[in-house]
C-alpha atoms as a PDB file:
ATOM      1  CA  MET A   1      -0.340   0.345  -0.128  1.00  0.00           C
ATOM      2  CA  ASN A   2       2.711   2.423   0.963  1.00  0.00           C
ATOM      3  CA  GLY A   3       4.429   1.476  -2.875  1.00  0.00           C
ATOM      4  CA  LEU A   4       1.528   2.766  -3.979  1.00  0.00           C
ATOM      5  CA  ARG A   5       0.930   6.065  -2.370  1.00  0.00           C
ATOM      6  CA  GLY A   6       5.095   7.154  -3.574  1.00  0.00           C
ATOM      7  CA  LEU A   7       3.241   6.029  -6.635  1.00  0.00           C
ATOM      8  CA  ALA A   8       0.933   8.488  -6.406  1.00  0.00           C
ATOM      9  CA  TRP A   9       3.270  11.254  -5.359  1.00  0.00           C
ATOM     10  CA  LEU A  10       5.489  10.711  -8.003  1.00  0.00           C
ATOM     11  CA  LEU A  11       2.536  11.317 -10.399  1.00  0.00           C
ATOM     12  CA  VAL A  12       1.387  14.051  -8.344  1.00  0.00           C
ATOM     13  CA  PHE A  13       5.139  16.394  -8.395  1.00  0.00           C
ATOM     14  CA  GLN A  14       4.870  15.210 -12.523  1.00  0.00           C
ATOM     15  CA  SER A  15       2.108  16.542 -13.245  1.00  0.00           C
ATOM     16  CA  ILE A  16       2.447  19.582 -11.292  1.00  0.00           C
ATOM     17  CA  GLY A  17       5.063  20.250 -12.885  1.00  0.00           C
ATOM     18  CA  GLU A  18       3.569  19.299 -16.485  1.00  0.00           C
ATOM     19  CA  ALA A  19       0.704  22.411 -15.389  1.00  0.00           C
ATOM     20  CA  LEU A  20       3.308  24.729 -14.239  1.00  0.00           C
ATOM     21  CA  SER A  21       5.181  24.316 -17.349  1.00  0.00           C
ATOM     22  CA  ARG A  22       2.183  24.237 -19.741  1.00  0.00           C
ATOM     23  CA  GLY A  23       0.499  27.319 -17.645  1.00  0.00           C
ATOM     24  CA  LEU A  24       3.387  29.233 -17.113  1.00  0.00           C
ATOM     25  CA  SER A  25       4.476  28.506 -20.457  1.00  0.00           C
ATOM     26  CA  LEU A  26       8.058  27.663 -18.949  1.00  0.00           C
ATOM     27  CA  PRO A  27      10.960  26.552 -20.969  1.00  0.00           C
ATOM     28  CA  LEU A  28      11.547  24.054 -19.194  1.00  0.00           C
ATOM     29  CA  PRO A  29      10.183  20.262 -19.611  1.00  0.00           C
ATOM     30  CA  GLY A  30       6.959  19.235 -17.076  1.00  0.00           C
ATOM     31  CA  PRO A  31       9.011  16.127 -16.002  1.00  0.00           C
ATOM     32  CA  VAL A  32      11.950  18.351 -15.063  1.00  0.00           C
ATOM     33  CA  LEU A  33      10.188  20.645 -13.221  1.00  0.00           C
ATOM     34  CA  GLY A  34       8.202  17.937 -11.130  1.00  0.00           C
ATOM     35  CA  MET A  35      11.400  16.355 -10.315  1.00  0.00           C
ATOM     36  CA  MET A  36      12.909  19.549  -8.914  1.00  0.00           C
ATOM     37  CA  LEU A  37       9.585  19.591  -7.156  1.00  0.00           C
ATOM     38  CA  MET A  38      10.104  16.547  -5.420  1.00  0.00           C
ATOM     39  CA  LEU A  39      13.341  17.211  -4.684  1.00  0.00           C
ATOM     40  CA  VAL A  40      11.759  19.538  -2.303  1.00  0.00           C
ATOM     41  CA  GLY A  41       9.338  17.365  -1.338  1.00  0.00           C
ATOM     42  CA  LEU A  42      11.708  14.489  -0.378  1.00  0.00           C
ATOM     43  CA  ARG A  43      12.680  16.543   2.386  1.00  0.00           C
ATOM     44  CA  PHE A  44       9.580  15.453   4.168  1.00  0.00           C
ATOM     45  CA  GLU A  45       8.630  11.970   5.877  1.00  0.00           C
ATOM     46  CA  ARG A  46       5.187  11.827   4.457  1.00  0.00           C
ATOM     47  CA  VAL A  47       6.706  11.747   0.892  1.00  0.00           C
ATOM     48  CA  ARG A  48      10.420  10.474   0.954  1.00  0.00           C
ATOM     49  CA  GLY A  49       8.653   7.127   2.680  1.00  0.00           C
ATOM     50  CA  PRO A  50       6.275   6.230   0.084  1.00  0.00           C
ATOM     51  CA  VAL A  51       8.227   7.305  -2.448  1.00  0.00           C
ATOM     52  CA  GLY A  52      11.715   5.368  -1.362  1.00  0.00           C
ATOM     53  CA  GLU A  53       9.458   1.912  -1.355  1.00  0.00           C
ATOM     54  CA  CYS A  54       7.943   2.790  -5.156  1.00  0.00           C
ATOM     55  CA  ALA A  55      11.889   3.313  -6.299  1.00  0.00           C
ATOM     56  CA  THR A  56      13.037  -0.174  -4.466  1.00  0.00           C
ATOM     57  CA  PHE A  57      10.175  -1.617  -6.490  1.00  0.00           C
ATOM     58  CA  LEU A  58      10.714  -0.202  -9.855  1.00  0.00           C
ATOM     59  CA  LEU A  59      14.577  -0.525  -9.527  1.00  0.00           C
ATOM     60  CA  GLN A  60      13.911  -4.109  -9.177  1.00  0.00           C
ATOM     61  CA  HIS A  61      12.130  -3.869 -12.585  1.00  0.00           C
ATOM     62  CA  LEU A  62      13.641  -1.774 -14.310  1.00  0.00           C
ATOM     63  CA  SER A  63      14.866  -4.374 -16.967  1.00  0.00           C
ATOM     64  CA  LEU A  64      11.460  -4.221 -18.058  1.00  0.00           C
ATOM     65  CA  LEU A  65      10.969  -0.790 -18.940  1.00  0.00           C
ATOM     66  CA  PHE A  66      13.728  -1.377 -21.660  1.00  0.00           C
ATOM     67  CA  ILE A  67      11.534  -3.387 -24.081  1.00  0.00           C
ATOM     68  CA  PRO A  68       9.633  -0.241 -25.232  1.00  0.00           C
ATOM     69  CA  VAL A  69      12.819   0.529 -26.403  1.00  0.00           C
ATOM     70  CA  GLY A  70      14.001  -2.671 -27.837  1.00  0.00           C
ATOM     71  CA  VAL A  71      10.360  -3.033 -29.255  1.00  0.00           C
ATOM     72  CA  GLY A  72      11.102   0.327 -30.586  1.00  0.00           C
ATOM     73  CA  VAL A  73      14.289   0.207 -32.656  1.00  0.00           C
ATOM     74  CA  MET A  74      13.205  -3.032 -33.840  1.00  0.00           C
ATOM     75  CA  THR A  75      10.200  -1.612 -35.342  1.00  0.00           C
ATOM     76  CA  HIS A  76      12.685   1.435 -37.043  1.00  0.00           C
ATOM     77  CA  LEU A  77      15.424  -1.364 -38.225  1.00  0.00           C
ATOM     78  CA  ALA A  78      15.489   0.461 -41.280  1.00  0.00           C
ATOM     79  CA  LEU A  79      16.535   3.845 -39.640  1.00  0.00           C
ATOM     80  CA  VAL A  80      18.434   2.448 -37.613  1.00  0.00           C
ATOM     81  CA  SER A  81      20.608   0.780 -40.552  1.00  0.00           C
ATOM     82  CA  GLN A  82      20.147   3.854 -42.158  1.00  0.00           C
ATOM     83  CA  TYR A  83      21.449   6.247 -38.958  1.00  0.00           C
ATOM     84  CA  GLY A  84      23.388   3.790 -37.228  1.00  0.00           C
ATOM     85  CA  GLY A  85      27.330   4.930 -37.571  1.00  0.00           C
ATOM     86  CA  ARG A  86      25.770   8.140 -36.441  1.00  0.00           C
ATOM     87  CA  MET A  87      23.921   7.334 -33.414  1.00  0.00           C
ATOM     88  CA  LEU A  88      26.558   5.519 -32.173  1.00  0.00           C
ATOM     89  CA  PHE A  89      29.317   8.084 -33.103  1.00  0.00           C
ATOM     90  CA  VAL A  90      27.038  10.635 -30.814  1.00  0.00           C
ATOM     91  CA  ILE A  91      26.277   8.848 -27.673  1.00  0.00           C
ATOM     92  CA  ALA A  92      30.007   7.694 -27.441  1.00  0.00           C
ATOM     93  CA  ILE A  93      30.700  11.545 -27.666  1.00  0.00           C
ATOM     94  CA  SER A  94      27.951  12.812 -25.705  1.00  0.00           C
ATOM     95  CA  THR A  95      28.795  10.037 -23.077  1.00  0.00           C
ATOM     96  CA  TRP A  96      32.314  10.789 -22.693  1.00  0.00           C
ATOM     97  CA  ILE A  97      31.597  14.888 -22.500  1.00  0.00           C
ATOM     98  CA  GLY A  98      28.632  13.625 -19.666  1.00  0.00           C
ATOM     99  CA  LEU A  99      32.042  11.843 -17.896  1.00  0.00           C
ATOM    100  CA  GLY A 100      34.407  14.930 -18.862  1.00  0.00           C
ATOM    101  CA  VAL A 101      31.972  16.925 -16.410  1.00  0.00           C
ATOM    102  CA  THR A 102      31.134  14.886 -13.951  1.00  0.00           C
ATOM    103  CA  ALA A 103      34.614  14.214 -13.523  1.00  0.00           C
ATOM    104  CA  LEU A 104      35.296  18.057 -13.271  1.00  0.00           C
ATOM    105  CA  VAL A 105      32.228  18.410 -11.027  1.00  0.00           C
ATOM    106  CA  LEU A 106      33.815  15.954  -8.421  1.00  0.00           C
ATOM    107  CA  TYR A 107      37.109  17.402  -8.814  1.00  0.00           C
ATOM    108  CA  TRP A 108      36.744  21.138  -8.393  1.00  0.00           C
ATOM    109  CA  PRO A 109      35.579  20.779  -4.357  1.00  0.00           C
ATOM    110  CA  ASP A 110      38.664  18.503  -3.817  1.00  0.00           C
ATOM    111  CA  ARG A 111      40.886  21.567  -5.619  1.00  0.00           C
ATOM    112  CA  ARG A 112      38.699  24.041  -3.685  1.00  0.00           C
ATOM    113  CA  LYS A 113      39.681  22.359  -0.047  1.00  0.00           C
ATOM    114  CA  LYS A 114      43.591  21.739  -1.153  1.00  0.00           C
ATOM    115  CA  ALA A 115      43.905  25.937  -2.389  1.00  0.00           C
ATOM    116  CA  GLU A 116      42.137  26.741   0.889  1.00  0.00           C
ATOM    117  CA  GLY A 117      43.635  24.737   3.739  1.00  0.00           C
END
């Protein structure tokens, strides 16, 4: 029952984010706004407990979420064969950029501590 409350909280925050995004014509997508609101909501135990239980359940069954992607790839196999090399290149480059930015962000506070101390 607590897991269903967690799922309800997830849907409530996403819906509020969508309403804000569309209602105020914001440049951010609704789910992103919903996640930012969720970050604030997770400070409260009434939200944190059920969402944690729901997240644990979803993580245990994460592999099921890849089925629609696999079906999509199989449906559009002609596009994958036509643009597959380009997509692989873009995925590899964006992954390396993401890793680099993450490394810099993690390295930067440590460097500041060493400079101060």
